[in-house]
C-alpha atoms as a PDB file:
ATOM      1  CA  MET A   1       2.666  13.980 -56.456  1.00  0.00           C
ATOM      2  CA  LEU A   2       4.278  11.569 -59.036  1.00  0.00           C
ATOM      3  CA  HIS A   3       5.007   8.363 -58.408  1.00  0.00           C
ATOM      4  CA  LEU A   4       6.537   6.456 -60.810  1.00  0.00           C
ATOM      5  CA  LEU A   5       5.043   2.795 -61.273  1.00  0.00           C
ATOM      6  CA  LYS A   6       6.261   1.386 -64.557  1.00  0.00           C
ATOM      7  CA  VAL A   7       8.440   1.681 -68.003  1.00  0.00           C
ATOM      8  CA  ASN A   8       7.019   0.895 -71.246  1.00  0.00           C
ATOM      9  CA  LEU A   9       8.996   1.014 -74.790  1.00  0.00           C
ATOM     10  CA  LYS A  10       7.266   2.100 -77.371  1.00  0.00           C
ATOM     11  CA  ALA A  11       8.253   1.405 -81.446  1.00  0.00           C
ATOM     12  CA  PHE A  12       8.384   4.533 -82.996  1.00  0.00           C
ATOM     13  CA  ASP A  13      10.682   4.520 -85.924  1.00  0.00           C
ATOM     14  CA  GLY A  14      13.155   1.151 -86.166  1.00  0.00           C
ATOM     15  CA  ALA A  15      15.122  -0.654 -84.366  1.00  0.00           C
ATOM     16  CA  ALA A  16      17.784   0.623 -81.420  1.00  0.00           C
ATOM     17  CA  GLY A  17      20.462  -0.208 -83.372  1.00  0.00           C
ATOM     18  CA  ASP A  18      19.945   2.876 -86.310  1.00  0.00           C
ATOM     19  CA  VAL A  19      20.183   5.214 -83.827  1.00  0.00           C
ATOM     20  CA  HIS A  20      23.306   7.586 -84.745  1.00  0.00           C
ATOM     21  CA  GLN A  21      24.844   9.969 -82.462  1.00  0.00           C
ATOM     22  CA  ASN A  22      28.325   9.764 -84.193  1.00  0.00           C
ATOM     23  CA  ASN A  23      29.267   8.765 -87.844  1.00  0.00           C
ATOM     24  CA  LEU A  24      31.005   5.135 -86.521  1.00  0.00           C
ATOM     25  CA  ASN A  25      33.413   3.653 -89.408  1.00  0.00           C
ATOM     26  CA  THR A  26      31.500   0.732 -90.785  1.00  0.00           C
ATOM     27  CA  HIS A  27      35.401  -1.030 -90.872  1.00  0.00           C
ATOM     28  CA  THR A  28      35.078  -1.252 -87.283  1.00  0.00           C
ATOM     29  CA  THR A  29      32.079  -2.714 -86.269  1.00  0.00           C
ATOM     30  CA  GLY A  30      31.522  -5.780 -84.920  1.00  0.00           C
ATOM     31  CA  THR A  31      33.720  -8.918 -83.443  1.00  0.00           C
ATOM     32  CA  ALA A  32      33.404 -12.068 -86.175  1.00  0.00           C
ATOM     33  CA  ASN A  33      37.042 -12.389 -86.073  1.00  0.00           C
ATOM     34  CA  LEU A  34      36.852 -13.277 -81.686  1.00  0.00           C
ATOM     35  CA  SER A  35      35.669 -16.315 -79.932  1.00  0.00           C
ATOM     36  CA  ALA A  36      32.409 -15.762 -77.868  1.00  0.00           C
ATOM     37  CA  GLU A  37      34.745 -16.504 -74.672  1.00  0.00           C
ATOM     38  CA  MET A  38      37.027 -13.674 -75.656  1.00  0.00           C
ATOM     39  CA  LYS A  39      34.317 -11.345 -76.575  1.00  0.00           C
ATOM     40  CA  THR A  40      33.036 -11.892 -73.534  1.00  0.00           C
ATOM     41  CA  TYR A  41      36.262 -11.360 -71.798  1.00  0.00           C
ATOM     42  CA  TYR A  42      36.500  -7.926 -73.870  1.00  0.00           C
ATOM     43  CA  ASP A  43      33.173  -6.549 -72.549  1.00  0.00           C
ATOM     44  CA  THR A  44      33.474  -7.468 -69.252  1.00  0.00           C
ATOM     45  CA  ALA A  45      36.875  -5.326 -68.771  1.00  0.00           C
ATOM     46  CA  LEU A  46      35.136  -2.906 -70.792  1.00  0.00           C
ATOM     47  CA  ILE A  47      32.690  -2.613 -68.022  1.00  0.00           C
ATOM     48  CA  HIS A  48      34.732  -3.461 -65.154  1.00  0.00           C
ATOM     49  CA  ALA A  49      36.442  -0.141 -66.014  1.00  0.00           C
ATOM     50  CA  ALA A  50      33.204   2.004 -66.887  1.00  0.00           C
ATOM     51  CA  GLU A  51      30.901   1.369 -64.056  1.00  0.00           C
ATOM     52  CA  PRO A  52      33.368   3.517 -61.017  1.00  0.00           C
ATOM     53  CA  LYS A  53      33.305   6.074 -63.941  1.00  0.00           C
ATOM     54  CA  LEU A  54      29.327   5.986 -64.108  1.00  0.00           C
ATOM     55  CA  VAL A  55      28.468   8.462 -61.003  1.00  0.00           C
ATOM     56  CA  HIS A  56      25.162   9.704 -62.138  1.00  0.00           C
ATOM     57  CA  ALA A  57      23.778   6.771 -63.234  1.00  0.00           C
ATOM     58  CA  GLN A  58      23.391   4.816 -59.769  1.00  0.00           C
ATOM     59  CA  PHE A  59      20.498   6.533 -58.806  1.00  0.00           C
ATOM     60  CA  GLY A  60      18.346   6.473 -61.364  1.00  0.00           C
ATOM     61  CA  GLN A  61      15.471   4.114 -62.829  1.00  0.00           C
ATOM     62  CA  LYS A  62      17.189   1.702 -64.697  1.00  0.00           C
ATOM     63  CA  ARG A  63      15.985   0.610 -68.336  1.00  0.00           C
ATOM     64  CA  ASN A  64      16.827  -2.505 -70.408  1.00  0.00           C
ATOM     65  CA  ILE A  65      16.767  -1.772 -74.337  1.00  0.00           C
ATOM     66  CA  PRO A  66      15.044  -4.268 -75.768  1.00  0.00           C
ATOM     67  CA  GLN A  67      16.173  -5.011 -79.434  1.00  0.00           C
ATOM     68  CA  GLY A  68      14.265  -3.957 -82.009  1.00  0.00           C
ATOM     69  CA  ARG A  69      11.330  -2.183 -79.721  1.00  0.00           C
ATOM     70  CA  GLY A  70      12.339   1.336 -80.731  1.00  0.00           C
ATOM     71  CA  LYS A  71      14.018   3.786 -79.479  1.00  0.00           C
ATOM     72  CA  THR A  72      12.111   6.113 -77.801  1.00  0.00           C
ATOM     73  CA  ILE A  73      11.466   5.207 -74.008  1.00  0.00           C
ATOM     74  CA  GLU A  74       8.337   6.177 -72.286  1.00  0.00           C
ATOM     75  CA  PHE A  75       7.794   6.719 -68.357  1.00  0.00           C
ATOM     76  CA  ARG A  76       4.510   6.281 -67.355  1.00  0.00           C
ATOM     77  CA  LYS A  77       3.831   7.996 -64.230  1.00  0.00           C
ATOM     78  CA  PHE A  78       0.388   8.075 -62.020  1.00  0.00           C
ATOM     79  CA  SER A  79      -0.729  10.384 -59.641  1.00  0.00           C
ATOM     80  CA  GLN A  80      -1.159  10.285 -56.089  1.00  0.00           C
ATOM     81  CA  LEU A  81      -4.374   8.891 -55.036  1.00  0.00           C
ATOM     82  CA  PRO A  82      -6.494  11.688 -52.851  1.00  0.00           C
ATOM     83  CA  LYS A  83      -6.864   9.988 -49.061  1.00  0.00           C
ATOM     84  CA  ALA A  84     -10.451   8.016 -48.644  1.00  0.00           C
ATOM     85  CA  LEU A  85     -11.567  10.309 -44.996  1.00  0.00           C
ATOM     86  CA  THR A  86     -15.123   9.139 -45.841  1.00  0.00           C
ATOM     87  CA  PRO A  87     -16.695   6.171 -43.838  1.00  0.00           C
ATOM     88  CA  LEU A  88     -17.503   3.195 -45.329  1.00  0.00           C
ATOM     89  CA  THR A  89     -21.497   2.239 -44.921  1.00  0.00           C
ATOM     90  CA  GLU A  90     -22.197  -1.172 -44.248  1.00  0.00           C
ATOM     91  CA  GLY A  91     -23.460  -3.523 -47.342  1.00  0.00           C
ATOM     92  CA  VAL A  92     -23.251  -0.184 -49.574  1.00  0.00           C
ATOM     93  CA  THR A  93     -20.157   0.078 -52.393  1.00  0.00           C
ATOM     94  CA  PRO A  94     -18.876   2.936 -52.276  1.00  0.00           C
ATOM     95  CA  ASP A  95     -18.013   4.615 -55.995  1.00  0.00           C
ATOM     96  CA  GLY A  96     -14.738   4.042 -57.112  1.00  0.00           C
ATOM     97  CA  GLY A  97     -12.323   6.357 -58.015  1.00  0.00           C
ATOM     98  CA  SER A  98      -9.826   6.937 -61.290  1.00  0.00           C
ATOM     99  CA  MET A  99      -6.036   7.170 -61.642  1.00  0.00           C
ATOM    100  CA  LYS A 100      -4.024  10.248 -63.463  1.00  0.00           C
ATOM    101  CA  VAL A 101      -1.717   8.973 -65.721  1.00  0.00           C
ATOM    102  CA  THR A 102       0.759  10.901 -67.701  1.00  0.00           C
ATOM    103  CA  SER A 103       4.444  10.008 -69.314  1.00  0.00           C
ATOM    104  CA  GLU A 104       7.473  11.158 -70.174  1.00  0.00           C
ATOM    105  CA  THR A 105       9.701   9.774 -73.133  1.00  0.00           C
ATOM    106  CA  ALA A 106      13.320   9.837 -74.156  1.00  0.00           C
ATOM    107  CA  THR A 107      15.047   8.946 -77.285  1.00  0.00           C
ATOM    108  CA  VAL A 108      18.260   7.145 -77.167  1.00  0.00           C
ATOM    109  CA  ASN A 109      21.372   8.186 -78.892  1.00  0.00           C
ATOM    110  CA  GLN A 110      24.162   6.295 -79.677  1.00  0.00           C
ATOM    111  CA  TYR A 111      27.662   7.189 -79.068  1.00  0.00           C
ATOM    112  CA  GLY A 112      31.526   5.391 -79.450  1.00  0.00           C
ATOM    113  CA  TYR A 113      34.735   5.796 -80.378  1.00  0.00           C
ATOM    114  CA  TYR A 114      37.724   3.707 -81.147  1.00  0.00           C
ATOM    115  CA  ILE A 115      41.162   3.576 -81.861  1.00  0.00           C
ATOM    116  CA  ALA A 116      43.790   1.744 -84.273  1.00  0.00           C
ATOM    117  CA  ILE A 117      46.768  -0.648 -83.607  1.00  0.00           C
ATOM    118  CA  SER A 118      49.248  -0.909 -85.401  1.00  0.00           C
ATOM    119  CA  ASP A 119      50.896  -4.538 -86.504  1.00  0.00           C
ATOM    120  CA  LEU A 120      53.999  -2.769 -85.439  1.00  0.00           C
ATOM    121  CA  LEU A 121      53.262  -1.283 -82.032  1.00  0.00           C
ATOM    122  CA  ASP A 122      51.317  -4.583 -81.303  1.00  0.00           C
ATOM    123  CA  LEU A 123      54.873  -6.406 -81.883  1.00  0.00           C
ATOM    124  CA  THR A 124      57.070  -4.047 -80.242  1.00  0.00           C
ATOM    125  CA  ALA A 125      54.700  -2.765 -77.365  1.00  0.00           C
ATOM    126  CA  LEU A 126      55.524  -4.162 -73.822  1.00  0.00           C
ATOM    127  CA  ASP A 127      52.521  -4.777 -72.639  1.00  0.00           C
ATOM    128  CA  PRO A 128      49.473  -6.667 -74.421  1.00  0.00           C
ATOM    129  CA  MET A 129      48.158  -3.541 -76.344  1.00  0.00           C
ATOM    130  CA  VAL A 130      44.151  -4.526 -77.202  1.00  0.00           C
ATOM    131  CA  GLN A 131      44.129  -5.312 -73.316  1.00  0.00           C
ATOM    132  CA  GLU A 132      45.265  -1.729 -72.288  1.00  0.00           C
ATOM    133  CA  ALA A 133      43.067  -0.525 -75.312  1.00  0.00           C
ATOM    134  CA  VAL A 134      40.146  -1.657 -74.026  1.00  0.00           C
ATOM    135  CA  THR A 135      40.731  -0.776 -70.259  1.00  0.00           C
ATOM    136  CA  ALA A 136      41.569   2.868 -71.425  1.00  0.00           C
ATOM    137  CA  LEU A 137      38.284   2.739 -73.870  1.00  0.00           C
ATOM    138  CA  GLY A 138      36.036   1.408 -70.912  1.00  0.00           C
ATOM    139  CA  GLY A 139      37.418   4.844 -68.769  1.00  0.00           C
ATOM    140  CA  GLN A 140      36.740   7.199 -71.566  1.00  0.00           C
ATOM    141  CA  ALA A 141      33.135   5.127 -72.063  1.00  0.00           C
ATOM    142  CA  GLY A 142      31.963   5.671 -68.350  1.00  0.00           C
ATOM    143  CA  ARG A 143      33.333   9.695 -68.704  1.00  0.00           C
ATOM    144  CA  THR A 144      31.641  10.384 -71.586  1.00  0.00           C
ATOM    145  CA  LEU A 145      28.263   8.813 -70.744  1.00  0.00           C
ATOM    146  CA  ASP A 146      28.430   9.692 -67.334  1.00  0.00           C
ATOM    147  CA  THR A 147      28.707  13.507 -68.891  1.00  0.00           C
ATOM    148  CA  VAL A 148      25.574  12.928 -71.038  1.00  0.00           C
ATOM    149  CA  ILE A 149      23.313  11.605 -67.515  1.00  0.00           C
ATOM    150  CA  ARG A 150      25.215  14.326 -66.190  1.00  0.00           C
ATOM    151  CA  GLU A 151      24.416  17.469 -68.215  1.00  0.00           C
ATOM    152  CA  ILE A 152      20.566  15.956 -68.397  1.00  0.00           C
ATOM    153  CA  LEU A 153      20.184  16.051 -64.933  1.00  0.00           C
ATOM    154  CA  ASN A 154      21.401  19.325 -64.541  1.00  0.00           C
ATOM    155  CA  ALA A 155      18.795  20.819 -66.776  1.00  0.00           C
ATOM    156  CA  GLY A 156      16.257  20.173 -63.667  1.00  0.00           C
ATOM    157  CA  THR A 157      14.160  23.204 -62.795  1.00  0.00           C
ATOM    158  CA  ASN A 158      14.145  22.905 -59.000  1.00  0.00           C
ATOM    159  CA  VAL A 159      17.411  25.130 -58.091  1.00  0.00           C
ATOM    160  CA  GLN A 160      18.699  26.152 -54.677  1.00  0.00           C
ATOM    161  CA  TYR A 161      21.088  28.683 -53.913  1.00  0.00           C
ATOM    162  CA  ALA A 162      23.142  27.857 -51.336  1.00  0.00           C
ATOM    163  CA  GLU A 163      21.793  28.944 -47.976  1.00  0.00           C
ATOM    164  CA  GLY A 164      18.964  31.015 -49.951  1.00  0.00           C
ATOM    165  CA  GLN A 165      21.056  34.467 -49.502  1.00  0.00           C
ATOM    166  CA  VAL A 166      21.191  35.458 -53.254  1.00  0.00           C
ATOM    167  CA  ALA A 167      18.514  34.674 -55.622  1.00  0.00           C
ATOM    168  CA  SER A 168      20.344  33.810 -58.924  1.00  0.00           C
ATOM    169  CA  ARG A 169      23.834  32.086 -60.423  1.00  0.00           C
ATOM    170  CA  ALA A 170      25.305  35.330 -61.297  1.00  0.00           C
ATOM    171  CA  ALA A 171      25.143  36.338 -57.500  1.00  0.00           C
ATOM    172  CA  LEU A 172      26.942  33.253 -56.007  1.00  0.00           C
ATOM    173  CA  THR A 173      30.686  33.620 -54.431  1.00  0.00           C
ATOM    174  CA  SER A 174      32.932  31.851 -52.885  1.00  0.00           C
ATOM    175  CA  GLU A 175      31.789  32.546 -49.457  1.00  0.00           C
ATOM    176  CA  HIS A 176      28.403  30.653 -50.861  1.00  0.00           C
ATOM    177  CA  LYS A 177      29.561  27.625 -49.908  1.00  0.00           C
ATOM    178  CA  LEU A 178      27.562  24.537 -49.306  1.00  0.00           C
ATOM    179  CA  THR A 179      26.836  23.964 -46.068  1.00  0.00           C
ATOM    180  CA  VAL A 180      24.869  21.588 -43.168  1.00  0.00           C
ATOM    181  CA  LYS A 181      22.274  24.568 -43.515  1.00  0.00           C
ATOM    182  CA  ALA A 182      21.890  24.426 -47.138  1.00  0.00           C
ATOM    183  CA  VAL A 183      21.654  20.411 -47.226  1.00  0.00           C
ATOM    184  CA  LYS A 184      19.039  20.559 -44.658  1.00  0.00           C
ATOM    185  CA  MET A 185      17.021  23.106 -46.824  1.00  0.00           C
ATOM    186  CA  ALA A 186      17.339  20.466 -49.909  1.00  0.00           C
ATOM    187  CA  VAL A 187      16.350  17.735 -47.404  1.00  0.00           C
ATOM    188  CA  ARG A 188      13.231  19.808 -46.580  1.00  0.00           C
ATOM    189  CA  THR A 189      12.652  20.784 -50.207  1.00  0.00           C
ATOM    190  CA  LEU A 190      12.330  16.896 -50.858  1.00  0.00           C
ATOM    191  CA  LYS A 191      10.399  15.905 -47.730  1.00  0.00           C
ATOM    192  CA  ASN A 192       7.806  18.314 -48.175  1.00  0.00           C
ATOM    193  CA  ALA A 193       7.325  16.782 -51.833  1.00  0.00           C
ATOM    194  CA  ASN A 194       6.989  13.162 -50.388  1.00  0.00           C
ATOM    195  CA  ALA A 195       9.768  12.117 -52.207  1.00  0.00           C
ATOM    196  CA  ASP A 196      10.767   8.749 -50.996  1.00  0.00           C
ATOM    197  CA  THR A 197      14.679   8.486 -50.131  1.00  0.00           C
ATOM    198  CA  ILE A 198      16.954   5.804 -51.495  1.00  0.00           C
ATOM    199  CA  GLU A 199      17.444   2.966 -49.684  1.00  0.00           C
ATOM    200  CA  GLY A 200      17.003   4.909 -46.113  1.00  0.00           C
ATOM    201  CA  ASP A 201      18.341   7.812 -47.150  1.00  0.00           C
ATOM    202  CA  PHE A 202      18.794  10.330 -50.129  1.00  0.00           C
ATOM    203  CA  ILE A 203      21.714  11.092 -51.933  1.00  0.00           C
ATOM    204  CA  GLY A 204      23.681  13.927 -52.877  1.00  0.00           C
ATOM    205  CA  ILE A 205      27.015  13.797 -56.069  1.00  0.00           C
ATOM    206  CA  ILE A 206      29.312  15.979 -54.762  1.00  0.00           C
ATOM    207  CA  HIS A 207      32.807  17.381 -56.361  1.00  0.00           C
ATOM    208  CA  PRO A 208      35.845  16.777 -54.477  1.00  0.00           C
ATOM    209  CA  ASP A 209      36.307  20.693 -54.512  1.00  0.00           C
ATOM    210  CA  ILE A 210      32.586  21.157 -52.221  1.00  0.00           C
ATOM    211  CA  ALA A 211      33.300  18.296 -50.048  1.00  0.00           C
ATOM    212  CA  PHE A 212      36.671  19.881 -48.921  1.00  0.00           C
ATOM    213  CA  ASP A 213      34.038  22.521 -47.423  1.00  0.00           C
ATOM    214  CA  LEU A 214      30.977  20.155 -46.570  1.00  0.00           C
ATOM    215  CA  THR A 215      33.475  17.936 -44.299  1.00  0.00           C
ATOM    216  CA  GLU A 216      34.761  19.934 -42.155  1.00  0.00           C
ATOM    217  CA  ASP A 217      31.418  20.135 -40.599  1.00  0.00           C
ATOM    218  CA  PRO A 218      31.249  18.337 -36.954  1.00  0.00           C
ATOM    219  CA  GLU A 219      28.114  16.269 -37.889  1.00  0.00           C
ATOM    220  CA  TRP A 220      30.065  14.707 -40.960  1.00  0.00           C
ATOM    221  CA  LYS A 221      29.770  10.451 -41.087  1.00  0.00           C
ATOM    222  CA  TYR A 222      32.443   8.838 -42.676  1.00  0.00           C
ATOM    223  CA  PRO A 223      31.032   5.645 -44.607  1.00  0.00           C
ATOM    224  CA  HIS A 224      32.818   3.334 -41.733  1.00  0.00           C
ATOM    225  CA  GLN A 225      30.843   4.981 -39.136  1.00  0.00           C
ATOM    226  CA  TYR A 226      27.533   4.067 -40.583  1.00  0.00           C
ATOM    227  CA  ALA A 227      27.645   1.595 -43.036  1.00  0.00           C
ATOM    228  CA  ASP A 228      29.152  -1.985 -44.015  1.00  0.00           C
ATOM    229  CA  THR A 229      31.752  -1.796 -46.776  1.00  0.00           C
ATOM    230  CA  LYS A 230      29.288  -3.988 -48.789  1.00  0.00           C
ATOM    231  CA  GLU A 231      27.153  -1.615 -48.782  1.00  0.00           C
ATOM    232  CA  ILE A 232      28.789   1.452 -49.662  1.00  0.00           C
ATOM    233  CA  TYR A 233      27.891   3.223 -53.352  1.00  0.00           C
ATOM    234  CA  GLU A 234      30.788   3.469 -55.776  1.00  0.00           C
ATOM    235  CA  GLY A 235      32.544   6.917 -54.842  1.00  0.00           C
ATOM    236  CA  GLU A 236      30.593   7.640 -51.780  1.00  0.00           C
ATOM    237  CA  ILE A 237      32.698   9.705 -49.071  1.00  0.00           C
ATOM    238  CA  GLY A 238      30.263  10.445 -45.883  1.00  0.00           C
ATOM    239  CA  LYS A 239      26.698  11.270 -45.017  1.00  0.00           C
ATOM    240  CA  ILE A 240      25.078  14.138 -43.275  1.00  0.00           C
ATOM    241  CA  ALA A 241      21.951  15.578 -42.663  1.00  0.00           C
ATOM    242  CA  GLY A 242      20.279  12.313 -44.081  1.00  0.00           C
ATOM    243  CA  VAL A 243      22.506  12.771 -46.992  1.00  0.00           C
ATOM    244  CA  ARG A 244      24.877  10.186 -48.380  1.00  0.00           C
ATOM    245  CA  PHE A 245      27.430  11.696 -50.582  1.00  0.00           C
ATOM    246  CA  VAL A 246      29.040  10.197 -53.265  1.00  0.00           C
ATOM    247  CA  GLU A 247      32.273  12.226 -55.215  1.00  0.00           C
ATOM    248  CA  THR A 248      33.374  12.615 -58.616  1.00  0.00           C
ATOM    249  CA  THR A 249      35.416  15.278 -60.508  1.00  0.00           C
ATOM    250  CA  GLU A 250      32.472  15.307 -63.005  1.00  0.00           C
ATOM    251  CA  ALA A 251      30.410  16.631 -61.117  1.00  0.00           C
ATOM    252  CA  LYS A 252      28.919  19.920 -62.982  1.00  0.00           C
ATOM    253  CA  ILE A 253      30.576  23.197 -62.870  1.00  0.00           C
ATOM    254  CA  PHE A 254      28.770  26.015 -64.173  1.00  0.00           C
ATOM    255  CA  GLU A 255      30.704  29.232 -65.848  1.00  0.00           C
ATOM    256  CA  GLY A 256      32.201  31.575 -63.451  1.00  0.00           C
ATOM    257  CA  SER A 257      32.629  28.377 -60.895  1.00  0.00           C
ATOM    258  CA  VAL A 258      29.745  27.662 -60.133  1.00  0.00           C
ATOM    259  CA  TYR A 259      29.166  24.471 -58.500  1.00  0.00           C
ATOM    260  CA  SER A 260      26.590  21.883 -59.301  1.00  0.00           C
ATOM    261  CA  THR A 261      25.646  19.381 -55.953  1.00  0.00           C
ATOM    262  CA  LEU A 262      22.565  17.071 -56.325  1.00  0.00           C
ATOM    263  CA  ILE A 263      20.233  15.960 -53.761  1.00  0.00           C
ATOM    264  CA  ILE A 264      18.196  12.997 -55.053  1.00  0.00           C
ATOM    265  CA  GLY A 265      15.515  11.498 -54.024  1.00  0.00           C
ATOM    266  CA  ALA A 266      14.113   7.552 -55.476  1.00  0.00           C
ATOM    267  CA  ASN A 267      12.188   7.994 -58.875  1.00  0.00           C
ATOM    268  CA  ALA A 268      13.753  11.264 -59.700  1.00  0.00           C
ATOM    269  CA  TYR A 269      15.073   9.857 -62.894  1.00  0.00           C
ATOM    270  CA  GLY A 270      15.554   7.149 -65.516  1.00  0.00           C
ATOM    271  CA  VAL A 271      17.973   5.784 -67.558  1.00  0.00           C
ATOM    272  CA  THR A 272      19.412   2.995 -69.884  1.00  0.00           C
ATOM    273  CA  GLU A 273      20.970  -0.063 -68.739  1.00  0.00           C
ATOM    274  CA  ILE A 274      24.831  -0.040 -70.096  1.00  0.00           C
ATOM    275  CA  ASP A 275      24.630  -3.619 -69.893  1.00  0.00           C
ATOM    276  CA  GLY A 276      21.761  -4.810 -70.750  1.00  0.00           C
ATOM    277  CA  GLY A 277      22.520  -4.154 -74.359  1.00  0.00           C
ATOM    278  CA  GLY A 278      23.413  -1.070 -73.927  1.00  0.00           C
ATOM    279  CA  LEU A 279      27.282  -0.549 -74.155  1.00  0.00           C
ATOM    280  CA  LYS A 280      29.508  -3.239 -75.995  1.00  0.00           C
ATOM    281  CA  THR A 281      33.178  -3.799 -76.783  1.00  0.00           C
ATOM    282  CA  ILE A 282      34.078  -4.012 -80.827  1.00  0.00           C
ATOM    283  CA  ILE A 283      37.488  -5.991 -81.651  1.00  0.00           C
ATOM    284  CA  LYS A 284      38.563  -5.930 -85.293  1.00  0.00           C
ATOM    285  CA  GLN A 285      41.974  -8.005 -85.603  1.00  0.00           C
ATOM    286  CA  LYS A 286      44.377  -7.731 -88.139  1.00  0.00           C
ATOM    287  CA  GLY A 287      43.080  -8.698 -91.856  1.00  0.00           C
ATOM    288  CA  SER A 288      38.904  -8.523 -91.012  1.00  0.00           C
ATOM    289  CA  ALA A 289      38.907  -5.181 -92.732  1.00  0.00           C
ATOM    290  CA  GLY A 290      39.387  -6.834 -96.110  1.00  0.00           C
ATOM    291  CA  THR A 291      40.994  -4.329 -98.649  1.00  0.00           C
ATOM    292  CA  ALA A 292      40.666  -1.377 -96.636  1.00  0.00           C
ATOM    293  CA  ASP A 293      43.878  -2.963 -95.091  1.00  0.00           C
ATOM    294  CA  PRO A 294      45.753  -4.661 -97.880  1.00  0.00           C
ATOM    295  CA  LEU A 295      48.563  -5.264 -95.721  1.00  0.00           C
ATOM    296  CA  ASP A 296      47.358  -6.403 -91.884  1.00  0.00           C
ATOM    297  CA  GLN A 297      48.813  -3.330 -90.555  1.00  0.00           C
ATOM    298  CA  ARG A 298      46.047  -2.419 -88.366  1.00  0.00           C
ATOM    299  CA  SER A 299      43.682  -3.822 -85.988  1.00  0.00           C
ATOM    300  CA  THR A 300      40.942  -1.550 -83.910  1.00  0.00           C
ATOM    301  CA  ALA A 301      39.211  -1.806 -80.515  1.00  0.00           C
ATOM    302  CA  GLY A 302      36.216   0.255 -79.618  1.00  0.00           C
ATOM    303  CA  TRP A 303      33.400   0.925 -77.889  1.00  0.00           C
ATOM    304  CA  LYS A 304      29.390   1.397 -78.692  1.00  0.00           C
ATOM    305  CA  ALA A 305      26.299   2.788 -76.270  1.00  0.00           C
ATOM    306  CA  ILE A 306      23.468   3.563 -76.592  1.00  0.00           C
ATOM    307  CA  LEU A 307      22.087   6.046 -73.735  1.00  0.00           C
ATOM    308  CA  THR A 308      19.429   8.325 -72.562  1.00  0.00           C
ATOM    309  CA  ALA A 309      18.084   9.866 -69.194  1.00  0.00           C
ATOM    310  CA  LYS A 310      15.178  11.363 -68.183  1.00  0.00           C
ATOM    311  CA  ILE A 311      14.366  13.367 -65.509  1.00  0.00           C
ATOM    312  CA  LEU A 312      11.213  12.055 -64.481  1.00  0.00           C
ATOM    313  CA  SER A 313       9.895  14.069 -61.111  1.00  0.00           C
ATOM    314  CA  ASP A 314      11.618  17.524 -60.891  1.00  0.00           C
ATOM    315  CA  GLU A 315      10.633  18.012 -57.274  1.00  0.00           C
ATOM    316  CA  TYR A 316      12.084  14.513 -56.299  1.00  0.00           C
ATOM    317  CA  MET A 317      15.428  16.148 -57.323  1.00  0.00           C
ATOM    318  CA  VAL A 318      17.015  19.390 -56.162  1.00  0.00           C
ATOM    319  CA  ARG A 319      19.733  21.406 -57.309  1.00  0.00           C
ATOM    320  CA  VAL A 320      22.190  23.179 -55.139  1.00  0.00           C
ATOM    321  CA  GLU A 321      24.477  25.561 -56.259  1.00  0.00           C
ATOM    322  CA  THR A 322      27.110  26.959 -54.362  1.00  0.00           C
ATOM    323  CA  GLY A 323      30.870  29.015 -54.636  1.00  0.00           C
ATOM    324  CA  SER A 324      33.921  27.088 -52.736  1.00  0.00           C
ATOM    325  CA  THR A 325      36.929  27.590 -51.012  1.00  0.00           C
ATOM    326  CA  PHE A 326      38.450  26.584 -54.512  1.00  0.00           C
ATOM    327  CA  SER A 327      36.389  29.061 -56.682  1.00  0.00           C
ATOM    328  CA  GLY A 328      38.982  30.815 -58.366  1.00  0.00           C
ATOM    329  CA  ALA A 329      40.246  27.648 -59.262  1.00  0.00           C
ATOM    330  CA  ALA A 330      37.447  25.787 -60.613  1.00  0.00           C
ATOM    331  CA  ASN A 331      37.415  25.011 -64.426  1.00  0.00           C
END
């Protein structure tokens, strides 16, 4: 088995700021006209609005992106050492072993969006437009980045179809619901792979439609029955069979109304840290665009993020695909 021990950053080809996923208009970047206090305020507001949406980012190994250190992250993993069952001989130094090192690399991409606010709207609106814009942009940023991570995680190869009654996604129907037995099967797979738990339990990322079916089981426990309110994850709805479930409407739904529920152990994947240089607010006040805005008619608010995720150990995460009571209505 492979265990994640550390992460190295390698400078391959340019600074992280050179990465481009979207072709952003250069007139909308930077915050030169904002005070440091206002920049901090808007950054905090954006992250506060984004973080509740980042469900899929919660349980991965998190690493900041240092400036000037390149745009490729190398995750180094070391093979599990064999048992040392040979008794030592008094006075004799035994032969030493060696560690097998493998690596996984991931290249960060840049994402972003901005909106323009006209001077007339800013003057006549009842609510402070920039503040409202930052809140809306934060929610959008969270959903966007969460989807990026979700798609990477759902490309894993460790798949279980309901309780194993069928052997393919195409064969799943609304009758193949997520059951306690299916959860226990996934947990067994993780335990047999020697996957570590996350603070004592495995984690499940679940869609509300699937939660509707699973929470009807009498074994289901709600968070207040097993955890202090300060120890509950964002979106956590309950626990069953050694798995704490976090609910999100962003959980993957495949074509044909097939739902993905990810059952995750520690060190299954890695993600970049959003508050370590990965996500920032960009506010441009009226008059900051020069000749591009000669009458000072618009300001802009936006966000930009550098992000990636990488499956580090496929065996530490099981994707359970099922139908649900609502399979016909899923979109």
